[in-house]
Amino acid sequence: MLQSTLLPPVDMAIGPSPPNGFLLVASYDSIKEGISLFQPEGSSPTVIVKQKDGRIRALDGLCAHKQGELSLGDLVEIEDVSFIICPRHRKKFPGGLHISCESGLYSLPSCLQQQPSEEVKGDWKQRVYPTLIQDGWVFVKDKTQMDE
């Protein structure tokens, strides 16, 4: 299991100006493989996931179901898709409740290739944010710039 990391704020004197509608997260090389916590000033937390293949994903930092801190969850990869196991649901469901870092959909390990069970369906979907990598810097779409 990889430990999550709190990403420190970037000194704007060294970091580039973000593209319109995006926030500067960190330099690409400073983000370790696994889950990092990005806390924009005046906003709710965002988890930044650096996958084994180097792709960067961004999701709301709190579970949409029970507000579990996803930065404390476990990161697993199944068939090149990364999932965060919600820390509040590790024991409730066998294998834990998995949240796709790509789609934000919730699923159980036994049904990752099938439709989610009735217990998981509901309206549970984690908000996923677009990311950009430019000139060695990572940017995430500003939550306030997205449609609900």
Foldseek 3Di string as FASTA:
>chain_A
DDAEEEQDDDDPVPDDDDDPQKDFFWFLVVHDAAWYWGDPPPDAIKIWHQHPVRDIWIWGQAFPPPGAGQSRFGWDDDPNWIWTFGPVFCPVAPNGWTATSVWQAIAHPVAPVHDHDPVRPPPGGIDIWDWDADPRTIITGDPVPDDD
